Amino acid sequence: MGGNGCGCQPRMLIVDDTAFNLMALQQVLKSMFKIEAETATDGSEAIEMFERALARECGCRLRAYSMVFMDIQMPEVDGVTATKAIARLVRESEGEEAAPKVRGVGPIGAGTNAAKLRVLQDYEDLGEMVHIVALTAFSSLETMEECRAVGMKELLGKPLDAKLLKEAVFHHFYRHPRGEAEAMAKAKAAK
C-alpha cells in the first residue's frame, strides 16, 4: 500500500520495440514472480506512461513504476533518451533540481555470466524511486557508461538469461526491503 494510504502497489514496466521481447519478458516475470508487468513499445510511450503515473494526486512514491526493463536501441526515442526524460520527471516530482550524481560500474553475479549483468552503482539521479534495468545486445564498456550516466541501475545482455533476470529482480527488491519478502515468497511459490 502507498505511503499515503492510497492503495498504490509497486508497478513494473517493460519497454521494447519488439513485440516478441515484450511478451516473452512479461511471461517470464509472471511465471517466476507472479508480477503483472505493463508494457510500452517505445521510449516516448514509456515517458507518457510515467507522466500519467506521476500526475496521480496521491503523491506517494509507489504511484510510478518502481522497476523498468528498458531496451536501449529503439527507433524514434531510444532507451537512453527515454531514461533521461524519466529521470527529469522523477526529479521534478520529488521537487529536486540538482544534477544527477553517478559513480562506478561493477559486476554482479559469478562465473561466465557475470559480464552479462552489471550493477551501475551509486547513481543518484533516479534516487530510490525507480530502478531502470538496461536491456541490450551490445554490452560494451561505452554502452555501460552511457547507461550509467543517465541513471540506469543495471544492464542485462540479450538474449536474456533467466538466472540473471532473477538476480536483477531480487537486487531491486533487496534495495527495497518492503518488497523483498513478497518477491521471495512469490519466487518460492512459482518453483
N, C-alpha and C. Protein backbone atom coordinates (compact mmCIF):
# COMPACT_ATOMS: atom_id res chain seq x y z
N MET A 1 0.84 -1.18 0.00
CA MET A 1 0.00 0.00 0.00
C MET A 1 0.88 1.24 0.00
N GLY A 2 0.43 2.27 -0.67
CA GLY A 2 1.18 3.51 -0.77
C GLY A 2 1.36 4.18 0.58
N GLY A 3 2.34 5.06 0.65
CA GLY A 3 2.67 5.75 1.89
C GLY A 3 1.57 6.65 2.39
N ASN A 4 0.64 7.04 1.55
CA ASN A 4 -0.45 7.92 1.94
C ASN A 4 -1.75 7.17 2.19
N GLY A 5 -1.67 5.82 2.30
CA GLY A 5 -2.87 5.03 2.47
C GLY A 5 -3.72 5.00 1.22
N CYS A 6 -3.11 5.26 0.07
CA CYS A 6 -3.85 5.41 -1.19
C CYS A 6 -4.10 4.09 -1.91
N GLY A 7 -3.45 3.03 -1.50
CA GLY A 7 -3.65 1.75 -2.16
C GLY A 7 -2.72 1.48 -3.32
N CYS A 8 -1.77 2.38 -3.60
CA CYS A 8 -0.83 2.16 -4.69
C CYS A 8 0.04 0.94 -4.39
N GLN A 9 0.31 0.17 -5.42
CA GLN A 9 1.16 -1.02 -5.31
C GLN A 9 2.38 -0.82 -6.22
N PRO A 10 3.51 -1.48 -5.91
CA PRO A 10 4.66 -1.39 -6.81
C PRO A 10 4.28 -1.84 -8.21
N ARG A 11 4.77 -1.12 -9.21
CA ARG A 11 4.44 -1.43 -10.60
C ARG A 11 5.72 -1.65 -11.39
N MET A 12 5.63 -2.49 -12.42
CA MET A 12 6.77 -2.80 -13.26
C MET A 12 6.41 -2.50 -14.70
N LEU A 13 7.40 -1.99 -15.46
CA LEU A 13 7.19 -1.63 -16.86
C LEU A 13 8.29 -2.25 -17.71
N ILE A 14 7.90 -2.79 -18.87
CA ILE A 14 8.84 -3.33 -19.85
C ILE A 14 8.72 -2.44 -21.09
N VAL A 15 9.88 -1.94 -21.58
CA VAL A 15 9.88 -1.08 -22.75
C VAL A 15 10.76 -1.73 -23.82
N ASP A 16 10.16 -2.11 -24.94
CA ASP A 16 10.89 -2.75 -26.03
C ASP A 16 10.09 -2.57 -27.31
N ASP A 17 10.77 -2.36 -28.42
CA ASP A 17 10.07 -2.16 -29.69
C ASP A 17 9.74 -3.48 -30.40
N THR A 18 10.17 -4.60 -29.83
CA THR A 18 9.88 -5.90 -30.43
C THR A 18 8.80 -6.60 -29.62
N ALA A 19 7.67 -6.88 -30.28
CA ALA A 19 6.52 -7.48 -29.60
C ALA A 19 6.88 -8.80 -28.93
N PHE A 20 7.68 -9.61 -29.59
CA PHE A 20 8.07 -10.90 -29.01
C PHE A 20 8.83 -10.70 -27.71
N ASN A 21 9.76 -9.75 -27.68
CA ASN A 21 10.53 -9.48 -26.45
C ASN A 21 9.62 -9.02 -25.31
N LEU A 22 8.64 -8.18 -25.64
CA LEU A 22 7.70 -7.72 -24.62
C LEU A 22 6.92 -8.89 -24.02
N MET A 23 6.36 -9.71 -24.91
CA MET A 23 5.55 -10.84 -24.44
C MET A 23 6.39 -11.86 -23.67
N ALA A 24 7.59 -12.14 -24.17
CA ALA A 24 8.44 -13.14 -23.52
C ALA A 24 8.83 -12.69 -22.11
N LEU A 25 9.30 -11.46 -21.97
CA LEU A 25 9.70 -10.98 -20.65
C LEU A 25 8.49 -10.85 -19.73
N GLN A 26 7.38 -10.43 -20.27
CA GLN A 26 6.15 -10.33 -19.47
C GLN A 26 5.76 -11.71 -18.93
N GLN A 27 5.85 -12.73 -19.76
CA GLN A 27 5.50 -14.09 -19.33
C GLN A 27 6.50 -14.64 -18.32
N VAL A 28 7.78 -14.37 -18.51
CA VAL A 28 8.79 -14.85 -17.56
C VAL A 28 8.56 -14.21 -16.19
N LEU A 29 8.31 -12.91 -16.16
CA LEU A 29 8.07 -12.22 -14.88
C LEU A 29 6.81 -12.75 -14.21
N LYS A 30 5.81 -13.04 -15.02
CA LYS A 30 4.57 -13.58 -14.45
C LYS A 30 4.78 -14.98 -13.89
N SER A 31 5.50 -15.82 -14.62
CA SER A 31 5.70 -17.20 -14.15
C SER A 31 6.70 -17.29 -12.99
N MET A 32 7.75 -16.47 -13.00
CA MET A 32 8.75 -16.53 -11.93
C MET A 32 8.33 -15.80 -10.66
N PHE A 33 7.66 -14.66 -10.82
CA PHE A 33 7.39 -13.79 -9.68
C PHE A 33 5.92 -13.44 -9.48
N LYS A 34 5.06 -13.91 -10.37
CA LYS A 34 3.63 -13.55 -10.31
C LYS A 34 3.44 -12.04 -10.44
N ILE A 35 4.32 -11.41 -11.24
CA ILE A 35 4.27 -9.98 -11.46
C ILE A 35 3.59 -9.70 -12.79
N GLU A 36 2.59 -8.85 -12.76
CA GLU A 36 1.89 -8.43 -13.98
C GLU A 36 2.53 -7.12 -14.45
N ALA A 37 3.49 -7.21 -15.34
CA ALA A 37 4.19 -6.02 -15.82
C ALA A 37 3.40 -5.35 -16.94
N GLU A 38 3.44 -4.03 -16.97
CA GLU A 38 2.85 -3.27 -18.06
C GLU A 38 3.90 -3.12 -19.16
N THR A 39 3.47 -2.78 -20.37
CA THR A 39 4.41 -2.69 -21.49
C THR A 39 4.26 -1.38 -22.25
N ALA A 40 5.38 -0.97 -22.86
CA ALA A 40 5.41 0.17 -23.77
C ALA A 40 6.26 -0.25 -24.97
N THR A 41 5.86 0.19 -26.15
CA THR A 41 6.55 -0.23 -27.36
C THR A 41 7.67 0.69 -27.81
N ASP A 42 7.86 1.81 -27.12
CA ASP A 42 8.99 2.68 -27.42
C ASP A 42 9.20 3.66 -26.26
N GLY A 43 10.28 4.42 -26.37
CA GLY A 43 10.62 5.34 -25.30
C GLY A 43 9.59 6.43 -25.08
N SER A 44 8.99 6.93 -26.16
CA SER A 44 8.01 8.02 -25.99
C SER A 44 6.77 7.53 -25.25
N GLU A 45 6.35 6.29 -25.52
CA GLU A 45 5.21 5.74 -24.79
C GLU A 45 5.55 5.56 -23.31
N ALA A 46 6.78 5.13 -23.01
CA ALA A 46 7.20 4.97 -21.62
C ALA A 46 7.19 6.31 -20.90
N ILE A 47 7.66 7.35 -21.55
CA ILE A 47 7.67 8.69 -20.96
C ILE A 47 6.24 9.14 -20.66
N GLU A 48 5.34 8.93 -21.61
CA GLU A 48 3.94 9.30 -21.41
C GLU A 48 3.33 8.52 -20.24
N MET A 49 3.68 7.24 -20.12
CA MET A 49 3.15 6.43 -19.02
C MET A 49 3.66 6.95 -17.67
N PHE A 50 4.93 7.36 -17.62
CA PHE A 50 5.47 7.95 -16.40
C PHE A 50 4.79 9.27 -16.09
N GLU A 51 4.58 10.10 -17.09
CA GLU A 51 3.91 11.38 -16.86
C GLU A 51 2.54 11.18 -16.24
N ARG A 52 1.77 10.24 -16.78
CA ARG A 52 0.44 9.95 -16.24
C ARG A 52 0.53 9.40 -14.81
N ALA A 53 1.48 8.50 -14.59
CA ALA A 53 1.62 7.89 -13.25
C ALA A 53 2.03 8.93 -12.22
N LEU A 54 2.98 9.79 -12.57
CA LEU A 54 3.46 10.80 -11.62
C LEU A 54 2.44 11.90 -11.38
N ALA A 55 1.48 12.04 -12.28
CA ALA A 55 0.45 13.08 -12.12
C ALA A 55 -0.65 12.66 -11.15
N ARG A 56 -0.62 11.40 -10.71
CA ARG A 56 -1.66 10.96 -9.77
C ARG A 56 -1.62 11.82 -8.52
N GLU A 57 -2.78 12.11 -8.01
CA GLU A 57 -2.90 13.06 -6.91
C GLU A 57 -2.40 12.54 -5.57
N CYS A 58 -2.30 11.23 -5.39
CA CYS A 58 -1.94 10.71 -4.07
C CYS A 58 -0.54 11.16 -3.65
N GLY A 59 0.36 11.35 -4.61
CA GLY A 59 1.70 11.84 -4.29
C GLY A 59 2.62 10.84 -3.63
N CYS A 60 2.22 9.58 -3.51
CA CYS A 60 3.10 8.61 -2.85
C CYS A 60 4.18 8.13 -3.82
N ARG A 61 5.24 7.53 -3.29
CA ARG A 61 6.35 7.07 -4.10
C ARG A 61 5.97 5.89 -4.99
N LEU A 62 4.92 5.17 -4.68
CA LEU A 62 4.56 3.99 -5.46
C LEU A 62 3.68 4.31 -6.66
N ARG A 63 3.33 5.56 -6.87
CA ARG A 63 2.44 5.88 -7.97
C ARG A 63 3.09 5.66 -9.32
N ALA A 64 4.41 5.73 -9.40
CA ALA A 64 5.14 5.49 -10.65
C ALA A 64 5.61 4.04 -10.68
N TYR A 65 6.30 3.68 -11.73
CA TYR A 65 6.82 2.32 -11.87
C TYR A 65 8.08 2.20 -11.02
N SER A 66 8.14 1.18 -10.16
CA SER A 66 9.30 1.04 -9.30
C SER A 66 10.44 0.32 -10.00
N MET A 67 10.14 -0.46 -11.04
CA MET A 67 11.17 -1.16 -11.80
C MET A 67 10.82 -1.13 -13.27
N VAL A 68 11.81 -0.81 -14.10
CA VAL A 68 11.61 -0.71 -15.54
C VAL A 68 12.71 -1.50 -16.25
N PHE A 69 12.30 -2.33 -17.20
CA PHE A 69 13.25 -3.00 -18.09
C PHE A 69 13.20 -2.22 -19.40
N MET A 70 14.31 -1.55 -19.74
CA MET A 70 14.34 -0.60 -20.86
C MET A 70 15.30 -1.07 -21.95
N ASP A 71 14.74 -1.37 -23.13
CA ASP A 71 15.58 -1.67 -24.29
C ASP A 71 16.35 -0.40 -24.64
N ILE A 72 17.61 -0.56 -25.01
CA ILE A 72 18.44 0.60 -25.31
C ILE A 72 18.23 1.07 -26.75
N GLN A 73 18.19 0.15 -27.68
CA GLN A 73 18.10 0.51 -29.09
C GLN A 73 16.67 0.37 -29.60
N MET A 74 16.01 1.51 -29.73
CA MET A 74 14.65 1.55 -30.27
C MET A 74 14.58 2.73 -31.24
N PRO A 75 13.74 2.62 -32.28
CA PRO A 75 13.58 3.76 -33.18
C PRO A 75 12.85 4.91 -32.47
N GLU A 76 12.90 6.05 -33.05
CA GLU A 76 12.26 7.25 -32.51
C GLU A 76 12.95 7.68 -31.21
N VAL A 77 12.44 7.23 -30.06
CA VAL A 77 13.03 7.59 -28.77
C VAL A 77 13.68 6.34 -28.18
N ASP A 78 15.01 6.34 -28.12
CA ASP A 78 15.74 5.16 -27.61
C ASP A 78 15.71 5.12 -26.09
N GLY A 79 16.23 4.04 -25.53
CA GLY A 79 16.19 3.83 -24.09
C GLY A 79 16.97 4.86 -23.28
N VAL A 80 18.10 5.30 -23.80
CA VAL A 80 18.90 6.30 -23.10
C VAL A 80 18.16 7.63 -23.04
N THR A 81 17.60 8.05 -24.17
CA THR A 81 16.85 9.30 -24.22
C THR A 81 15.61 9.22 -23.32
N ALA A 82 14.92 8.09 -23.36
CA ALA A 82 13.74 7.91 -22.51
C ALA A 82 14.12 7.97 -21.03
N THR A 83 15.23 7.33 -20.67
CA THR A 83 15.67 7.34 -19.27
C THR A 83 16.01 8.75 -18.81
N LYS A 84 16.65 9.54 -19.67
CA LYS A 84 16.94 10.94 -19.32
C LYS A 84 15.64 11.69 -19.01
N ALA A 85 14.65 11.50 -19.87
CA ALA A 85 13.37 12.19 -19.68
C ALA A 85 12.67 11.70 -18.41
N ILE A 86 12.71 10.40 -18.16
CA ILE A 86 12.09 9.83 -16.95
C ILE A 86 12.80 10.35 -15.71
N ALA A 87 14.13 10.42 -15.76
CA ALA A 87 14.89 10.95 -14.62
C ALA A 87 14.49 12.39 -14.33
N ARG A 88 14.32 13.19 -15.39
CA ARG A 88 13.89 14.58 -15.21
C ARG A 88 12.50 14.63 -14.56
N LEU A 89 11.58 13.79 -15.05
CA LEU A 89 10.22 13.75 -14.49
C LEU A 89 10.24 13.35 -13.02
N VAL A 90 11.05 12.34 -12.69
CA VAL A 90 11.14 11.87 -11.31
C VAL A 90 11.72 12.96 -10.42
N ARG A 91 12.80 13.60 -10.87
CA ARG A 91 13.41 14.69 -10.07
C ARG A 91 12.40 15.81 -9.85
N GLU A 92 11.67 16.17 -10.90
CA GLU A 92 10.67 17.24 -10.77
C GLU A 92 9.56 16.83 -9.80
N SER A 93 9.14 15.57 -9.86
CA SER A 93 8.07 15.13 -8.96
C SER A 93 8.52 15.09 -7.51
N GLU A 94 9.83 14.92 -7.32
CA GLU A 94 10.39 14.90 -5.97
C GLU A 94 10.80 16.30 -5.52
N GLY A 95 10.63 17.29 -6.40
CA GLY A 95 10.99 18.66 -6.06
C GLY A 95 12.49 18.90 -6.08
N GLU A 96 13.21 18.09 -6.84
CA GLU A 96 14.67 18.22 -6.90
C GLU A 96 15.08 18.84 -8.23
N GLU A 97 16.09 19.70 -8.17
CA GLU A 97 16.61 20.29 -9.40
C GLU A 97 18.09 19.98 -9.57
N ALA A 98 18.69 19.31 -8.61
CA ALA A 98 20.13 19.04 -8.67
C ALA A 98 20.46 18.13 -9.84
N ALA A 99 21.66 18.32 -10.37
CA ALA A 99 22.14 17.45 -11.45
C ALA A 99 22.39 16.06 -10.90
N PRO A 100 22.24 15.04 -11.75
CA PRO A 100 22.47 13.68 -11.30
C PRO A 100 23.92 13.45 -10.89
N LYS A 101 24.12 12.56 -9.92
CA LYS A 101 25.45 12.17 -9.48
C LYS A 101 25.59 10.68 -9.73
N VAL A 102 26.63 10.31 -10.44
CA VAL A 102 26.85 8.89 -10.72
C VAL A 102 28.30 8.55 -10.47
N ARG A 103 28.53 7.29 -10.13
CA ARG A 103 29.89 6.83 -9.89
C ARG A 103 30.16 5.58 -10.69
N GLY A 104 30.75 4.55 -10.13
CA GLY A 104 31.32 3.41 -10.84
C GLY A 104 30.38 2.37 -11.41
N VAL A 105 30.98 1.45 -12.16
CA VAL A 105 30.29 0.31 -12.75
C VAL A 105 30.91 -0.94 -12.13
N GLY A 106 30.08 -1.88 -11.69
CA GLY A 106 30.63 -3.09 -11.09
C GLY A 106 29.83 -4.31 -11.47
N PRO A 107 30.47 -5.49 -11.47
CA PRO A 107 29.77 -6.72 -11.84
C PRO A 107 28.91 -7.25 -10.70
N ILE A 108 27.89 -8.00 -11.04
CA ILE A 108 27.10 -8.73 -10.06
C ILE A 108 27.01 -10.16 -10.55
N GLY A 109 26.90 -11.09 -9.67
CA GLY A 109 26.83 -12.49 -10.07
C GLY A 109 28.22 -13.10 -10.11
N ALA A 110 28.29 -14.33 -10.54
CA ALA A 110 29.57 -15.01 -10.58
C ALA A 110 29.65 -15.86 -11.84
N GLY A 111 30.85 -16.26 -12.18
CA GLY A 111 31.04 -17.17 -13.30
C GLY A 111 30.99 -16.46 -14.64
N THR A 112 30.79 -17.22 -15.70
CA THR A 112 30.88 -16.68 -17.05
C THR A 112 29.76 -15.71 -17.38
N ASN A 113 28.64 -15.80 -16.70
CA ASN A 113 27.53 -14.89 -16.98
C ASN A 113 27.65 -13.55 -16.28
N ALA A 114 28.65 -13.39 -15.41
CA ALA A 114 28.78 -12.16 -14.64
C ALA A 114 28.88 -10.94 -15.55
N ALA A 115 29.50 -11.08 -16.71
CA ALA A 115 29.65 -9.94 -17.61
C ALA A 115 28.32 -9.51 -18.21
N LYS A 116 27.33 -10.38 -18.23
CA LYS A 116 26.03 -10.02 -18.82
C LYS A 116 25.18 -9.17 -17.90
N LEU A 117 25.44 -9.20 -16.62
CA LEU A 117 24.65 -8.42 -15.67
C LEU A 117 25.60 -7.52 -14.91
N ARG A 118 25.43 -6.26 -15.05
CA ARG A 118 26.27 -5.30 -14.35
C ARG A 118 25.39 -4.39 -13.51
N VAL A 119 25.84 -4.11 -12.33
CA VAL A 119 25.15 -3.14 -11.49
C VAL A 119 25.84 -1.81 -11.72
N LEU A 120 25.08 -0.83 -12.09
CA LEU A 120 25.61 0.50 -12.33
C LEU A 120 25.46 1.25 -11.01
N GLN A 121 26.53 1.27 -10.24
CA GLN A 121 26.46 1.61 -8.82
C GLN A 121 26.45 3.11 -8.52
N ASP A 122 25.83 3.42 -7.39
CA ASP A 122 25.87 4.74 -6.78
C ASP A 122 25.30 5.86 -7.64
N TYR A 123 24.32 5.56 -8.44
CA TYR A 123 23.60 6.53 -9.22
C TYR A 123 22.71 7.25 -8.24
N GLU A 124 22.50 8.51 -8.45
CA GLU A 124 21.64 9.24 -7.53
C GLU A 124 20.52 9.99 -8.23
N ASP A 125 20.56 10.07 -9.56
CA ASP A 125 19.59 10.90 -10.25
C ASP A 125 18.18 10.35 -10.22
N LEU A 126 18.00 9.04 -10.13
CA LEU A 126 16.65 8.47 -10.04
C LEU A 126 16.33 8.09 -8.60
N GLY A 127 17.25 8.31 -7.70
CA GLY A 127 17.02 8.01 -6.30
C GLY A 127 16.56 6.59 -6.10
N GLU A 128 15.76 6.39 -5.10
CA GLU A 128 15.24 5.06 -4.80
C GLU A 128 13.88 4.84 -5.44
N MET A 129 13.37 5.82 -6.12
CA MET A 129 12.02 5.73 -6.64
C MET A 129 11.89 4.79 -7.83
N VAL A 130 12.86 4.78 -8.74
CA VAL A 130 12.75 3.99 -9.96
C VAL A 130 14.05 3.22 -10.19
N HIS A 131 13.90 1.94 -10.49
CA HIS A 131 15.05 1.06 -10.77
C HIS A 131 14.97 0.68 -12.24
N ILE A 132 15.81 1.32 -13.08
CA ILE A 132 15.77 1.05 -14.52
C ILE A 132 16.89 0.10 -14.89
N VAL A 133 16.52 -1.00 -15.53
CA VAL A 133 17.47 -2.01 -15.99
C VAL A 133 17.57 -1.90 -17.51
N ALA A 134 18.78 -1.66 -18.00
CA ALA A 134 19.00 -1.56 -19.44
C ALA A 134 19.01 -2.96 -20.05
N LEU A 135 18.37 -3.10 -21.20
CA LEU A 135 18.39 -4.35 -21.95
C LEU A 135 19.08 -4.09 -23.27
N THR A 136 20.16 -4.83 -23.55
CA THR A 136 20.89 -4.58 -24.78
C THR A 136 21.66 -5.81 -25.24
N ALA A 137 21.81 -5.93 -26.54
CA ALA A 137 22.63 -6.99 -27.11
C ALA A 137 24.08 -6.53 -27.19
N PHE A 138 24.32 -5.24 -26.96
CA PHE A 138 25.66 -4.67 -27.07
C PHE A 138 26.12 -4.15 -25.72
N SER A 139 26.75 -5.00 -24.93
CA SER A 139 27.15 -4.61 -23.58
C SER A 139 28.62 -4.20 -23.53
N SER A 140 28.99 -3.26 -24.39
CA SER A 140 30.35 -2.73 -24.39
C SER A 140 30.53 -1.78 -23.21
N LEU A 141 31.77 -1.46 -22.91
CA LEU A 141 32.06 -0.53 -21.83
C LEU A 141 31.42 0.83 -22.13
N GLU A 142 31.44 1.24 -23.39
CA GLU A 142 30.83 2.50 -23.79
C GLU A 142 29.33 2.51 -23.52
N THR A 143 28.65 1.40 -23.84
CA THR A 143 27.21 1.28 -23.59
C THR A 143 26.94 1.34 -22.09
N MET A 144 27.76 0.61 -21.31
CA MET A 144 27.56 0.62 -19.85
C MET A 144 27.74 2.02 -19.28
N GLU A 145 28.75 2.73 -19.74
CA GLU A 145 29.00 4.09 -19.25
C GLU A 145 27.85 5.02 -19.62
N GLU A 146 27.33 4.89 -20.84
CA GLU A 146 26.22 5.72 -21.28
C GLU A 146 24.98 5.44 -20.43
N CYS A 147 24.71 4.16 -20.16
CA CYS A 147 23.57 3.79 -19.32
C CYS A 147 23.73 4.32 -17.90
N ARG A 148 24.91 4.20 -17.37
CA ARG A 148 25.20 4.68 -16.02
C ARG A 148 25.02 6.19 -15.94
N ALA A 149 25.49 6.87 -16.97
CA ALA A 149 25.44 8.33 -16.96
C ALA A 149 24.02 8.89 -16.91
N VAL A 150 23.05 8.14 -17.42
CA VAL A 150 21.67 8.64 -17.41
C VAL A 150 20.86 8.10 -16.24
N GLY A 151 21.46 7.25 -15.41
CA GLY A 151 20.78 6.79 -14.20
C GLY A 151 20.25 5.38 -14.23
N MET A 152 20.58 4.61 -15.27
CA MET A 152 20.17 3.20 -15.26
C MET A 152 20.99 2.48 -14.21
N LYS A 153 20.36 1.54 -13.53
CA LYS A 153 20.99 0.93 -12.37
C LYS A 153 21.59 -0.43 -12.65
N GLU A 154 21.14 -1.10 -13.69
CA GLU A 154 21.69 -2.40 -14.06
C GLU A 154 21.64 -2.54 -15.57
N LEU A 155 22.41 -3.49 -16.08
CA LEU A 155 22.41 -3.77 -17.50
C LEU A 155 22.33 -5.28 -17.69
N LEU A 156 21.35 -5.73 -18.46
CA LEU A 156 21.21 -7.14 -18.81
C LEU A 156 21.45 -7.30 -20.29
N GLY A 157 22.29 -8.27 -20.63
CA GLY A 157 22.55 -8.55 -22.04
C GLY A 157 21.44 -9.39 -22.64
N LYS A 158 21.25 -9.23 -23.96
CA LYS A 158 20.31 -10.05 -24.70
C LYS A 158 21.09 -11.09 -25.47
N PRO A 159 20.59 -12.29 -25.64
CA PRO A 159 19.31 -12.75 -25.11
C PRO A 159 19.37 -12.85 -23.58
N LEU A 160 18.22 -12.66 -22.96
CA LEU A 160 18.16 -12.65 -21.50
C LEU A 160 18.40 -14.04 -20.93
N ASP A 161 19.14 -14.07 -19.85
CA ASP A 161 19.39 -15.29 -19.09
C ASP A 161 18.44 -15.25 -17.89
N ALA A 162 17.61 -16.29 -17.72
CA ALA A 162 16.59 -16.30 -16.65
C ALA A 162 17.22 -16.13 -15.27
N LYS A 163 18.37 -16.73 -15.04
CA LYS A 163 19.03 -16.62 -13.74
C LYS A 163 19.44 -15.18 -13.46
N LEU A 164 19.97 -14.51 -14.48
CA LEU A 164 20.39 -13.12 -14.31
C LEU A 164 19.20 -12.19 -14.16
N LEU A 165 18.13 -12.49 -14.85
CA LEU A 165 16.90 -11.71 -14.69
C LEU A 165 16.40 -11.82 -13.25
N LYS A 166 16.42 -13.05 -12.73
CA LYS A 166 16.00 -13.29 -11.35
C LYS A 166 16.88 -12.50 -10.38
N GLU A 167 18.20 -12.50 -10.62
CA GLU A 167 19.12 -11.72 -9.78
C GLU A 167 18.79 -10.24 -9.83
N ALA A 168 18.47 -9.73 -11.02
CA ALA A 168 18.15 -8.31 -11.15
C ALA A 168 16.90 -7.95 -10.37
N VAL A 169 15.87 -8.79 -10.46
CA VAL A 169 14.63 -8.53 -9.73
C VAL A 169 14.89 -8.60 -8.23
N PHE A 170 15.62 -9.61 -7.78
CA PHE A 170 15.94 -9.72 -6.35
C PHE A 170 16.81 -8.56 -5.90
N HIS A 171 17.74 -8.13 -6.75
CA HIS A 171 18.59 -6.99 -6.39
C HIS A 171 17.73 -5.75 -6.16
N HIS A 172 16.75 -5.56 -7.02
CA HIS A 172 15.84 -4.42 -6.85
C HIS A 172 15.07 -4.52 -5.54
N PHE A 173 14.48 -5.67 -5.28
CA PHE A 173 13.69 -5.82 -4.07
C PHE A 173 14.57 -5.83 -2.82
N TYR A 174 15.82 -6.26 -2.96
CA TYR A 174 16.75 -6.19 -1.82
C TYR A 174 17.00 -4.74 -1.44
N ARG A 175 17.08 -3.88 -2.45
CA ARG A 175 17.28 -2.45 -2.21
C ARG A 175 16.00 -1.81 -1.68
N HIS A 176 14.88 -2.50 -1.84
CA HIS A 176 13.58 -2.02 -1.37
C HIS A 176 13.02 -3.06 -0.41
N PRO A 177 13.43 -3.05 0.87
CA PRO A 177 13.09 -4.11 1.82
C PRO A 177 11.62 -4.43 1.94
N ARG A 178 10.72 -3.45 1.75
CA ARG A 178 9.29 -3.75 1.88
C ARG A 178 8.83 -4.76 0.85
N GLY A 179 9.46 -4.77 -0.32
CA GLY A 179 9.06 -5.70 -1.37
C GLY A 179 9.82 -7.00 -1.37
N GLU A 180 10.91 -7.08 -0.58
CA GLU A 180 11.76 -8.26 -0.61
C GLU A 180 11.03 -9.52 -0.18
N ALA A 181 10.33 -9.48 0.93
CA ALA A 181 9.64 -10.67 1.43
C ALA A 181 8.59 -11.14 0.43
N GLU A 182 7.87 -10.19 -0.15
CA GLU A 182 6.83 -10.54 -1.12
C GLU A 182 7.46 -11.18 -2.37
N ALA A 183 8.57 -10.63 -2.85
CA ALA A 183 9.24 -11.19 -4.04
C ALA A 183 9.78 -12.57 -3.75
N MET A 184 10.36 -12.76 -2.58
CA MET A 184 10.89 -14.08 -2.20
C MET A 184 9.76 -15.10 -2.13
N ALA A 185 8.65 -14.73 -1.53
CA ALA A 185 7.52 -15.64 -1.39
C ALA A 185 6.96 -15.99 -2.76
N LYS A 186 6.84 -15.01 -3.65
CA LYS A 186 6.32 -15.28 -4.99
C LYS A 186 7.25 -16.19 -5.76
N ALA A 187 8.57 -15.98 -5.62
CA ALA A 187 9.53 -16.81 -6.34
C ALA A 187 9.50 -18.24 -5.84
N LYS A 188 9.37 -18.42 -4.52
CA LYS A 188 9.31 -19.77 -3.96
C LYS A 188 8.03 -20.47 -4.39
N ALA A 189 6.94 -19.73 -4.42
CA ALA A 189 5.66 -20.32 -4.82
C ALA A 189 5.65 -20.70 -6.30
N ALA A 190 6.44 -20.00 -7.10
CA ALA A 190 6.49 -20.28 -8.54
C ALA A 190 7.33 -21.51 -8.88
N LYS A 191 8.14 -21.98 -7.93
CA LYS A 191 9.02 -23.14 -8.20
C LYS A 191 8.25 -24.41 -8.40
